[in-house]
All heavy atoms as atom14 arrays in JSON, in Angstrom:
{
  "sequence": "ISWSGESTHYADSVKGRFAISRDNGKNTVYLQMNSLKPEDTAVYHC",
  "atom14_mask": [
    [1, 1, 1, 1, 1, 1, 1, 1, 0, 0, 0, 0, 0, 0],
    [1, 1, 1, 1, 1, 1, 0, 0, 0, 0, 0, 0, 0, 0],
    [1, 1, 1, 1, 1, 1, 1, 1, 1, 1, 1, 1, 1, 1],
    [1, 1, 1, 1, 1, 1, 0, 0, 0, 0, 0, 0, 0, 0],
    [1, 1, 1, 1, 0, 0, 0, 0, 0, 0, 0, 0, 0, 0],
    [1, 1, 1, 1, 1, 1, 1, 1, 1, 0, 0, 0, 0, 0],
    [1, 1, 1, 1, 1, 1, 0, 0, 0, 0, 0, 0, 0, 0],
    [1, 1, 1, 1, 1, 1, 1, 0, 0, 0, 0, 0, 0, 0],
    [1, 1, 1, 1, 1, 1, 1, 1, 1, 1, 0, 0, 0, 0],
    [1, 1, 1, 1, 1, 1, 1, 1, 1, 1, 1, 1, 0, 0],
    [1, 1, 1, 1, 1, 0, 0, 0, 0, 0, 0, 0, 0, 0],
    [1, 1, 1, 1, 1, 1, 1, 1, 0, 0, 0, 0, 0, 0],
    [1, 1, 1, 1, 1, 1, 0, 0, 0, 0, 0, 0, 0, 0],
    [1, 1, 1, 1, 1, 1, 1, 0, 0, 0, 0, 0, 0, 0],
    [1, 1, 1, 1, 1, 1, 1, 1, 1, 0, 0, 0, 0, 0],
    [1, 1, 1, 1, 0, 0, 0, 0, 0, 0, 0, 0, 0, 0],
    [1, 1, 1, 1, 1, 1, 1, 1, 1, 1, 1, 0, 0, 0],
    [1, 1, 1, 1, 1, 1, 1, 1, 1, 1, 1, 0, 0, 0],
    [1, 1, 1, 1, 1, 0, 0, 0, 0, 0, 0, 0, 0, 0],
    [1, 1, 1, 1, 1, 1, 1, 1, 0, 0, 0, 0, 0, 0],
    [1, 1, 1, 1, 1, 1, 0, 0, 0, 0, 0, 0, 0, 0],
    [1, 1, 1, 1, 1, 1, 1, 1, 1, 1, 1, 0, 0, 0],
    [1, 1, 1, 1, 1, 1, 1, 1, 0, 0, 0, 0, 0, 0],
    [1, 1, 1, 1, 1, 1, 1, 1, 0, 0, 0, 0, 0, 0],
    [1, 1, 1, 1, 0, 0, 0, 0, 0, 0, 0, 0, 0, 0],
    [1, 1, 1, 1, 1, 1, 1, 1, 1, 0, 0, 0, 0, 0],
    [1, 1, 1, 1, 1, 1, 1, 1, 0, 0, 0, 0, 0, 0],
    [1, 1, 1, 1, 1, 1, 1, 0, 0, 0, 0, 0, 0, 0],
    [1, 1, 1, 1, 1, 1, 1, 0, 0, 0, 0, 0, 0, 0],
    [1, 1, 1, 1, 1, 1, 1, 1, 1, 1, 1, 1, 0, 0],
    [1, 1, 1, 1, 1, 1, 1, 1, 0, 0, 0, 0, 0, 0],
    [1, 1, 1, 1, 1, 1, 1, 1, 1, 0, 0, 0, 0, 0],
    [1, 1, 1, 1, 1, 1, 1, 1, 0, 0, 0, 0, 0, 0],
    [1, 1, 1, 1, 1, 1, 1, 1, 0, 0, 0, 0, 0, 0],
    [1, 1, 1, 1, 1, 1, 0, 0, 0, 0, 0, 0, 0, 0],
    [1, 1, 1, 1, 1, 1, 1, 1, 0, 0, 0, 0, 0, 0],
    [1, 1, 1, 1, 1, 1, 1, 1, 1, 0, 0, 0, 0, 0],
    [1, 1, 1, 1, 1, 1, 1, 0, 0, 0, 0, 0, 0, 0],
    [1, 1, 1, 1, 1, 1, 1, 1, 1, 0, 0, 0, 0, 0],
    [1, 1, 1, 1, 1, 1, 1, 1, 0, 0, 0, 0, 0, 0],
    [1, 1, 1, 1, 1, 1, 1, 0, 0, 0, 0, 0, 0, 0],
    [1, 1, 1, 1, 1, 0, 0, 0, 0, 0, 0, 0, 0, 0],
    [1, 1, 1, 1, 1, 1, 1, 0, 0, 0, 0, 0, 0, 0],
    [1, 1, 1, 1, 1, 1, 1, 1, 1, 1, 1, 1, 0, 0],
    [1, 1, 1, 1, 1, 1, 1, 1, 1, 1, 0, 0, 0, 0],
    [1, 1, 1, 1, 1, 1, 0, 0, 0, 0, 0, 0, 0, 0]
  ],
  "atom14_positions": [
    [[121.53, 89.47, 96.73], [122.33, 88.26, 96.84], [123.51, 88.52, 97.77], [124.1, 89.6, 97.75], [122.79, 87.79, 95.44], [123.45, 86.41, 95.52], [123.73, 88.82, 94.8], [123.65, 85.77, 94.15], [0.0, 0.0, 0.0], [0.0, 0.0, 0.0], [0.0, 0.0, 0.0], [0.0, 0.0, 0.0], [0.0, 0.0, 0.0], [0.0, 0.0, 0.0]],
    [[123.82, 87.53, 98.58], [124.98, 87.63, 99.45], [126.26, 87.42, 98.66], [126.24, 86.99, 97.51], [124.88, 86.58, 100.57], [124.93, 85.26, 100.04], [0.0, 0.0, 0.0], [0.0, 0.0, 0.0], [0.0, 0.0, 0.0], [0.0, 0.0, 0.0], [0.0, 0.0, 0.0], [0.0, 0.0, 0.0], [0.0, 0.0, 0.0], [0.0, 0.0, 0.0]],
    [[127.39, 87.74, 99.28], [128.67, 87.61, 98.59], [128.91, 86.18, 98.11], [129.4, 85.97, 96.99], [129.81, 88.06, 99.51], [131.16, 88.02, 98.84], [131.76, 89.0, 98.12], [132.07, 86.91, 98.83], [132.99, 88.59, 97.66], [133.21, 87.31, 98.09], [132.06, 85.63, 99.39], [134.31, 86.47, 97.87], [133.15, 84.8, 99.17], [134.25, 85.22, 98.44]],
    [[128.59, 85.21, 98.94], [128.81, 83.81, 98.6], [127.82, 83.3, 97.57], [128.07, 82.26, 96.94], [128.73, 82.95, 99.85], [127.42, 82.94, 100.37], [0.0, 0.0, 0.0], [0.0, 0.0, 0.0], [0.0, 0.0, 0.0], [0.0, 0.0, 0.0], [0.0, 0.0, 0.0], [0.0, 0.0, 0.0], [0.0, 0.0, 0.0], [0.0, 0.0, 0.0]],
    [[126.69, 83.99, 97.41], [125.64, 83.54, 96.52], [124.69, 82.55, 97.15], [123.71, 82.15, 96.51], [0.0, 0.0, 0.0], [0.0, 0.0, 0.0], [0.0, 0.0, 0.0], [0.0, 0.0, 0.0], [0.0, 0.0, 0.0], [0.0, 0.0, 0.0], [0.0, 0.0, 0.0], [0.0, 0.0, 0.0], [0.0, 0.0, 0.0], [0.0, 0.0, 0.0]],
    [[124.95, 82.15, 98.39], [124.11, 81.14, 99.03], [122.78, 81.69, 99.52], [121.86, 80.91, 99.76], [124.86, 80.5, 100.2], [125.1, 81.42, 101.39], [125.92, 80.74, 102.47], [127.16, 80.79, 102.38], [125.32, 80.15, 103.4], [0.0, 0.0, 0.0], [0.0, 0.0, 0.0], [0.0, 0.0, 0.0], [0.0, 0.0, 0.0], [0.0, 0.0, 0.0]],
    [[122.68, 83.01, 99.68], [121.44, 83.62, 100.15], [120.94, 84.63, 99.12], [121.69, 85.51, 98.69], [121.65, 84.32, 101.49], [122.06, 83.4, 102.48], [0.0, 0.0, 0.0], [0.0, 0.0, 0.0], [0.0, 0.0, 0.0], [0.0, 0.0, 0.0], [0.0, 0.0, 0.0], [0.0, 0.0, 0.0], [0.0, 0.0, 0.0], [0.0, 0.0, 0.0]],
    [[119.67, 84.51, 98.74], [119.05, 85.45, 97.82], [117.68, 85.84, 98.34], [117.08, 85.12, 99.14], [118.9, 84.87, 96.41], [118.09, 83.68, 96.46], [120.26, 84.52, 95.82], [0.0, 0.0, 0.0], [0.0, 0.0, 0.0], [0.0, 0.0, 0.0], [0.0, 0.0, 0.0], [0.0, 0.0, 0.0], [0.0, 0.0, 0.0], [0.0, 0.0, 0.0]],
    [[117.17, 86.97, 97.87], [115.85, 87.43, 98.25], [115.26, 88.24, 97.11], [115.99, 88.96, 96.43], [115.92, 88.28, 99.53], [114.58, 88.66, 100.07], [113.74, 87.74, 100.66], [113.93, 89.85, 100.08], [112.64, 88.35, 101.03], [112.72, 89.62, 100.69], [0.0, 0.0, 0.0], [0.0, 0.0, 0.0], [0.0, 0.0, 0.0], [0.0, 0.0, 0.0]],
    [[113.94, 88.13, 96.93], [113.27, 88.79, 95.83], [112.04, 89.56, 96.29], [111.36, 89.15, 97.24], [112.82, 87.76, 94.78], [113.95, 86.98, 94.18], [114.38, 85.79, 94.75], [114.61, 87.44, 93.04], [115.43, 85.07, 94.2], [115.65, 86.74, 92.49], [116.06, 85.55, 93.07], [117.1, 84.84, 92.52], [0.0, 0.0, 0.0], [0.0, 0.0, 0.0]],
    [[111.76, 90.65, 95.61], [110.5, 91.33, 95.81], [109.36, 90.41, 95.37], [109.51, 89.63, 94.42], [110.46, 92.63, 95.03], [0.0, 0.0, 0.0], [0.0, 0.0, 0.0], [0.0, 0.0, 0.0], [0.0, 0.0, 0.0], [0.0, 0.0, 0.0], [0.0, 0.0, 0.0], [0.0, 0.0, 0.0], [0.0, 0.0, 0.0], [0.0, 0.0, 0.0]],
    [[108.23, 90.51, 96.05], [107.1, 89.65, 95.69], [106.68, 89.82, 94.24], [106.23, 88.86, 93.6], [105.91, 89.95, 96.6], [106.11, 89.46, 98.02], [106.97, 88.6, 98.24], [105.37, 89.93, 98.91], [0.0, 0.0, 0.0], [0.0, 0.0, 0.0], [0.0, 0.0, 0.0], [0.0, 0.0, 0.0], [0.0, 0.0, 0.0], [0.0, 0.0, 0.0]],
    [[106.84, 91.01, 93.7], [106.4, 91.3, 92.35], [107.2, 90.57, 91.28], [106.73, 90.42, 90.15], [106.46, 92.81, 92.09], [107.78, 93.3, 92.25], [0.0, 0.0, 0.0], [0.0, 0.0, 0.0], [0.0, 0.0, 0.0], [0.0, 0.0, 0.0], [0.0, 0.0, 0.0], [0.0, 0.0, 0.0], [0.0, 0.0, 0.0], [0.0, 0.0, 0.0]],
    [[108.41, 90.1, 91.62], [109.25, 89.42, 90.64], [109.56, 87.99, 91.01], [110.18, 87.27, 90.21], [110.57, 90.18, 90.4], [110.3, 91.63, 90.03], [111.47, 90.11, 91.64], [0.0, 0.0, 0.0], [0.0, 0.0, 0.0], [0.0, 0.0, 0.0], [0.0, 0.0, 0.0], [0.0, 0.0, 0.0], [0.0, 0.0, 0.0], [0.0, 0.0, 0.0]],
    [[109.15, 87.56, 92.18], [109.44, 86.21, 92.65], [108.89, 85.17, 91.67], [107.74, 85.25, 91.25], [108.86, 86.02, 94.04], [109.35, 84.77, 94.76], [108.87, 84.76, 96.22], [109.44, 85.93, 97.0], [109.03, 85.91, 98.42], [0.0, 0.0, 0.0], [0.0, 0.0, 0.0], [0.0, 0.0, 0.0], [0.0, 0.0, 0.0], [0.0, 0.0, 0.0]],
    [[109.74, 84.22, 91.33], [109.35, 83.19, 90.39], [109.62, 83.55, 88.95], [109.57, 82.67, 88.07], [0.0, 0.0, 0.0], [0.0, 0.0, 0.0], [0.0, 0.0, 0.0], [0.0, 0.0, 0.0], [0.0, 0.0, 0.0], [0.0, 0.0, 0.0], [0.0, 0.0, 0.0], [0.0, 0.0, 0.0], [0.0, 0.0, 0.0], [0.0, 0.0, 0.0]],
    [[109.9, 84.82, 88.67], [110.19, 85.26, 87.31], [111.63, 85.71, 87.13], [112.2, 85.54, 86.06], [109.26, 86.42, 86.92], [107.78, 86.05, 86.94], [106.93, 87.17, 86.35], [107.04, 88.41, 87.12], [107.48, 89.56, 86.65], [107.87, 89.65, 85.37], [107.52, 90.64, 87.42], [0.0, 0.0, 0.0], [0.0, 0.0, 0.0], [0.0, 0.0, 0.0]],
    [[112.21, 86.32, 88.16], [113.57, 86.83, 88.09], [114.5, 85.96, 88.92], [114.08, 85.34, 89.91], [113.65, 88.26, 88.64], [112.98, 89.31, 87.8], [112.17, 88.99, 86.72], [113.18, 90.65, 88.11], [111.56, 89.97, 85.96], [112.58, 91.64, 87.35], [111.77, 91.31, 86.29], [0.0, 0.0, 0.0], [0.0, 0.0, 0.0], [0.0, 0.0, 0.0]],
    [[115.76, 85.92, 88.53], [116.77, 85.18, 89.28], [118.07, 85.97, 89.32], [118.58, 86.38, 88.27], [117.01, 83.81, 88.67], [0.0, 0.0, 0.0], [0.0, 0.0, 0.0], [0.0, 0.0, 0.0], [0.0, 0.0, 0.0], [0.0, 0.0, 0.0], [0.0, 0.0, 0.0], [0.0, 0.0, 0.0], [0.0, 0.0, 0.0], [0.0, 0.0, 0.0]],
    [[118.59, 86.2, 90.51], [119.85, 86.9, 90.68], [120.95, 85.87, 90.91], [120.75, 84.87, 91.59], [119.77, 87.92, 91.84], [121.03, 88.78, 91.88], [119.52, 87.22, 93.17], [120.92, 89.95, 92.86], [0.0, 0.0, 0.0], [0.0, 0.0, 0.0], [0.0, 0.0, 0.0], [0.0, 0.0, 0.0], [0.0, 0.0, 0.0], [0.0, 0.0, 0.0]],
    [[122.11, 86.12, 90.33], [123.24, 85.24, 90.5], [124.52, 86.05, 90.39], [124.49, 87.23, 90.01], [123.23, 84.11, 89.46], [123.32, 84.64, 88.15], [0.0, 0.0, 0.0], [0.0, 0.0, 0.0], [0.0, 0.0, 0.0], [0.0, 0.0, 0.0], [0.0, 0.0, 0.0], [0.0, 0.0, 0.0], [0.0, 0.0, 0.0], [0.0, 0.0, 0.0]],
    [[125.65, 85.44, 90.72], [126.91, 86.16, 90.64], [128.05, 85.22, 90.32], [128.01, 84.03, 90.6], [127.19, 86.93, 91.94], [127.43, 86.05, 93.16], [127.41, 86.89, 94.44], [128.43, 87.93, 94.44], [128.44, 88.98, 95.25], [127.47, 89.14, 96.13], [129.42, 89.87, 95.16], [0.0, 0.0, 0.0], [0.0, 0.0, 0.0], [0.0, 0.0, 0.0]],
    [[129.08, 85.79, 89.72], [130.31, 85.09, 89.43], [131.43, 85.99, 89.93], [131.84, 86.92, 89.25], [130.44, 84.82, 87.93], [131.66, 83.98, 87.6], [132.6, 83.93, 88.41], [131.68, 83.37, 86.52], [0.0, 0.0, 0.0], [0.0, 0.0, 0.0], [0.0, 0.0, 0.0], [0.0, 0.0, 0.0], [0.0, 0.0, 0.0], [0.0, 0.0, 0.0]],
    [[131.88, 85.7, 91.13], [132.89, 86.57, 91.74], [134.21, 86.55, 90.99], [134.96, 87.52, 91.02], [133.11, 86.17, 93.21], [131.93, 86.52, 94.09], [131.02, 87.25, 93.67], [131.92, 86.01, 95.31], [0.0, 0.0, 0.0], [0.0, 0.0, 0.0], [0.0, 0.0, 0.0], [0.0, 0.0, 0.0], [0.0, 0.0, 0.0], [0.0, 0.0, 0.0]],
    [[134.49, 85.44, 90.31], [135.7, 85.37, 89.51], [135.69, 86.34, 88.34], [136.75, 86.74, 87.86], [0.0, 0.0, 0.0], [0.0, 0.0, 0.0], [0.0, 0.0, 0.0], [0.0, 0.0, 0.0], [0.0, 0.0, 0.0], [0.0, 0.0, 0.0], [0.0, 0.0, 0.0], [0.0, 0.0, 0.0], [0.0, 0.0, 0.0], [0.0, 0.0, 0.0]],
    [[134.5, 86.71, 87.88], [134.34, 87.66, 86.78], [133.92, 89.04, 87.27], [133.66, 89.93, 86.46], [133.33, 87.15, 85.76], [133.74, 85.87, 85.06], [132.7, 85.45, 84.03], [133.13, 84.2, 83.3], [132.11, 83.77, 82.3], [0.0, 0.0, 0.0], [0.0, 0.0, 0.0], [0.0, 0.0, 0.0], [0.0, 0.0, 0.0], [0.0, 0.0, 0.0]],
    [[133.82, 89.21, 88.58], [133.38, 90.48, 89.17], [132.04, 90.92, 88.59], [131.83, 92.11, 88.3], [134.43, 91.58, 88.93], [135.74, 91.31, 89.65], [135.83, 90.44, 90.51], [136.76, 92.08, 89.29], [0.0, 0.0, 0.0], [0.0, 0.0, 0.0], [0.0, 0.0, 0.0], [0.0, 0.0, 0.0], [0.0, 0.0, 0.0], [0.0, 0.0, 0.0]],
    [[131.13, 89.98, 88.45], [129.86, 90.26, 87.77], [128.68, 89.66, 88.51], [128.75, 88.54, 89.01], [129.9, 89.72, 86.33], [131.0, 90.3, 85.62], [128.62, 90.06, 85.59], [0.0, 0.0, 0.0], [0.0, 0.0, 0.0], [0.0, 0.0, 0.0], [0.0, 0.0, 0.0], [0.0, 0.0, 0.0], [0.0, 0.0, 0.0], [0.0, 0.0, 0.0]],
    [[127.59, 90.43, 88.56], [126.31, 89.98, 89.09], [125.3, 90.04, 87.95], [125.34, 90.95, 87.12], [125.85, 90.86, 90.27], [124.44, 90.49, 90.7], [126.81, 90.7, 91.44], [0.0, 0.0, 0.0], [0.0, 0.0, 0.0], [0.0, 0.0, 0.0], [0.0, 0.0, 0.0], [0.0, 0.0, 0.0], [0.0, 0.0, 0.0], [0.0, 0.0, 0.0]],
    [[124.39, 89.07, 87.93], [123.42, 88.97, 86.85], [121.99, 89.05, 87.39], [121.72, 88.71, 88.55], [123.57, 87.64, 86.11], [124.95, 87.4, 85.56], [125.88, 86.65, 86.28], [125.34, 87.94, 84.33], [127.15, 86.44, 85.78], [126.61, 87.72, 83.83], [127.51, 86.97, 84.56], [128.77, 86.76, 84.05], [0.0, 0.0, 0.0], [0.0, 0.0, 0.0]],
    [[121.09, 89.48, 86.55], [119.66, 89.4, 86.84], [118.98, 88.82, 85.61], [118.84, 89.5, 84.59], [119.08, 90.76, 87.18], [117.61, 90.74, 87.59], [117.44, 90.04, 88.94], [117.04, 92.16, 87.67], [0.0, 0.0, 0.0], [0.0, 0.0, 0.0], [0.0, 0.0, 0.0], [0.0, 0.0, 0.0], [0.0, 0.0, 0.0], [0.0, 0.0, 0.0]],
    [[118.58, 87.56, 85.71], [117.83, 86.92, 84.64], [116.36, 87.24, 84.83], [115.79, 86.95, 85.89], [118.04, 85.4, 84.67], [117.25, 84.64, 83.62], [117.69, 84.95, 82.22], [118.89, 84.96, 81.93], [116.75, 85.23, 81.33], [0.0, 0.0, 0.0], [0.0, 0.0, 0.0], [0.0, 0.0, 0.0], [0.0, 0.0, 0.0], [0.0, 0.0, 0.0]],
    [[115.74, 87.84, 83.83], [114.36, 88.28, 83.91], [113.54, 87.52, 82.87], [113.78, 87.66, 81.67], [114.25, 89.78, 83.69], [115.11, 90.61, 84.64], [114.86, 92.39, 84.45], [115.48, 92.61, 82.78], [0.0, 0.0, 0.0], [0.0, 0.0, 0.0], [0.0, 0.0, 0.0], [0.0, 0.0, 0.0], [0.0, 0.0, 0.0], [0.0, 0.0, 0.0]],
    [[112.61, 86.73, 83.34], [111.74, 85.96, 82.47], [110.29, 86.4, 82.65], [109.94, 87.04, 83.63], [111.85, 84.46, 82.79], [113.24, 83.92, 82.6], [113.94, 84.29, 81.66], [113.66, 83.01, 83.48], [0.0, 0.0, 0.0], [0.0, 0.0, 0.0], [0.0, 0.0, 0.0], [0.0, 0.0, 0.0], [0.0, 0.0, 0.0], [0.0, 0.0, 0.0]],
    [[109.46, 86.03, 81.69], [108.03, 86.37, 81.74], [107.82, 87.84, 82.04], [107.02, 88.21, 82.91], [107.32, 85.49, 82.78], [107.47, 84.11, 82.48], [0.0, 0.0, 0.0], [0.0, 0.0, 0.0], [0.0, 0.0, 0.0], [0.0, 0.0, 0.0], [0.0, 0.0, 0.0], [0.0, 0.0, 0.0], [0.0, 0.0, 0.0], [0.0, 0.0, 0.0]],
    [[108.52, 88.68, 81.33], [108.48, 90.11, 81.6], [107.1, 90.7, 81.35], [106.4, 90.29, 80.42], [109.52, 90.83, 80.76], [110.96, 90.68, 81.27], [111.95, 91.05, 80.18], [111.16, 91.57, 82.5], [0.0, 0.0, 0.0], [0.0, 0.0, 0.0], [0.0, 0.0, 0.0], [0.0, 0.0, 0.0], [0.0, 0.0, 0.0], [0.0, 0.0, 0.0]],
    [[106.75, 91.65, 82.18], [105.47, 92.35, 82.11], [105.7, 93.83, 81.86], [106.76, 94.36, 82.2], [104.7, 92.17, 83.43], [104.48, 90.74, 83.85], [103.82, 90.68, 85.22], [103.6, 89.25, 85.66], [102.98, 89.19, 87.02], [0.0, 0.0, 0.0], [0.0, 0.0, 0.0], [0.0, 0.0, 0.0], [0.0, 0.0, 0.0], [0.0, 0.0, 0.0]],
    [[104.72, 94.53, 81.29], [104.88, 95.97, 81.09], [105.25, 96.72, 82.37], [106.0, 97.7, 82.3], [103.51, 96.4, 80.55], [103.01, 95.2, 79.84], [103.47, 94.03, 80.69], [0.0, 0.0, 0.0], [0.0, 0.0, 0.0], [0.0, 0.0, 0.0], [0.0, 0.0, 0.0], [0.0, 0.0, 0.0], [0.0, 0.0, 0.0], [0.0, 0.0, 0.0]],
    [[104.74, 96.29, 83.51], [105.05, 96.95, 84.76], [106.49, 96.75, 85.22], [106.92, 97.37, 86.19], [104.08, 96.51, 85.87], [103.98, 95.0, 86.04], [102.77, 94.41, 85.34], [102.5, 94.81, 84.18], [102.1, 93.56, 85.94], [0.0, 0.0, 0.0], [0.0, 0.0, 0.0], [0.0, 0.0, 0.0], [0.0, 0.0, 0.0], [0.0, 0.0, 0.0]],
    [[107.24, 95.89, 84.53], [108.67, 95.74, 84.8], [109.49, 96.83, 84.14], [110.7, 96.93, 84.39], [109.17, 94.38, 84.32], [108.56, 93.21, 85.07], [108.41, 93.32, 86.31], [108.24, 92.2, 84.43], [0.0, 0.0, 0.0], [0.0, 0.0, 0.0], [0.0, 0.0, 0.0], [0.0, 0.0, 0.0], [0.0, 0.0, 0.0], [0.0, 0.0, 0.0]],
    [[108.88, 97.64, 83.3], [109.58, 98.72, 82.62], [110.16, 99.7, 83.63], [109.43, 100.24, 84.46], [108.65, 99.44, 81.65], [108.24, 98.55, 80.61], [109.34, 100.64, 81.03], [0.0, 0.0, 0.0], [0.0, 0.0, 0.0], [0.0, 0.0, 0.0], [0.0, 0.0, 0.0], [0.0, 0.0, 0.0], [0.0, 0.0, 0.0], [0.0, 0.0, 0.0]],
    [[111.46, 99.92, 83.56], [112.14, 100.8, 84.51], [113.61, 100.87, 84.16], [114.11, 100.13, 83.31], [111.98, 100.27, 85.94], [0.0, 0.0, 0.0], [0.0, 0.0, 0.0], [0.0, 0.0, 0.0], [0.0, 0.0, 0.0], [0.0, 0.0, 0.0], [0.0, 0.0, 0.0], [0.0, 0.0, 0.0], [0.0, 0.0, 0.0], [0.0, 0.0, 0.0]],
    [[114.31, 101.78, 84.81], [115.76, 101.78, 84.8], [116.21, 100.88, 85.93], [115.83, 101.07, 87.08], [116.35, 103.19, 84.97], [117.87, 103.13, 85.07], [115.92, 104.08, 83.81], [0.0, 0.0, 0.0], [0.0, 0.0, 0.0], [0.0, 0.0, 0.0], [0.0, 0.0, 0.0], [0.0, 0.0, 0.0], [0.0, 0.0, 0.0], [0.0, 0.0, 0.0]],
    [[117.02, 99.89, 85.61], [117.5, 98.93, 86.6], [118.9, 99.3, 87.04], [119.8, 99.49, 86.21], [117.47, 97.51, 86.02], [116.08, 96.94, 85.97], [115.14, 97.42, 85.07], [115.7, 95.91, 86.84], [113.85, 96.92, 85.05], [114.42, 95.4, 86.81], [113.49, 95.9, 85.91], [112.22, 95.39, 85.89], [0.0, 0.0, 0.0], [0.0, 0.0, 0.0]],
    [[119.09, 99.4, 88.35], [120.36, 99.78, 88.94], [120.94, 98.64, 89.75], [120.24, 97.98, 90.51], [120.18, 100.99, 89.85], [119.77, 102.25, 89.16], [120.69, 103.17, 88.7], [118.55, 102.74, 88.84], [120.04, 104.17, 88.14], [118.74, 103.94, 88.2], [0.0, 0.0, 0.0], [0.0, 0.0, 0.0], [0.0, 0.0, 0.0], [0.0, 0.0, 0.0]],
    [[122.23, 98.46, 89.62], [122.98, 97.54, 90.44], [123.53, 98.28, 91.64], [123.9, 99.46, 91.54], [124.12, 96.93, 89.61], [125.17, 95.78, 90.5], [0.0, 0.0, 0.0], [0.0, 0.0, 0.0], [0.0, 0.0, 0.0], [0.0, 0.0, 0.0], [0.0, 0.0, 0.0], [0.0, 0.0, 0.0], [0.0, 0.0, 0.0], [0.0, 0.0, 0.0]]
  ]
}
């Protein structure tokens, strides 16, 4: 995700299931993960 939040991009493997967003006022970035699959198992790094 870009600083402004206006531009985002996803890996094909998660497109349509995951959503990245940010709240700069809270100094926080989020990753909403839906329809999770066993192959999503991993350590996730920001």
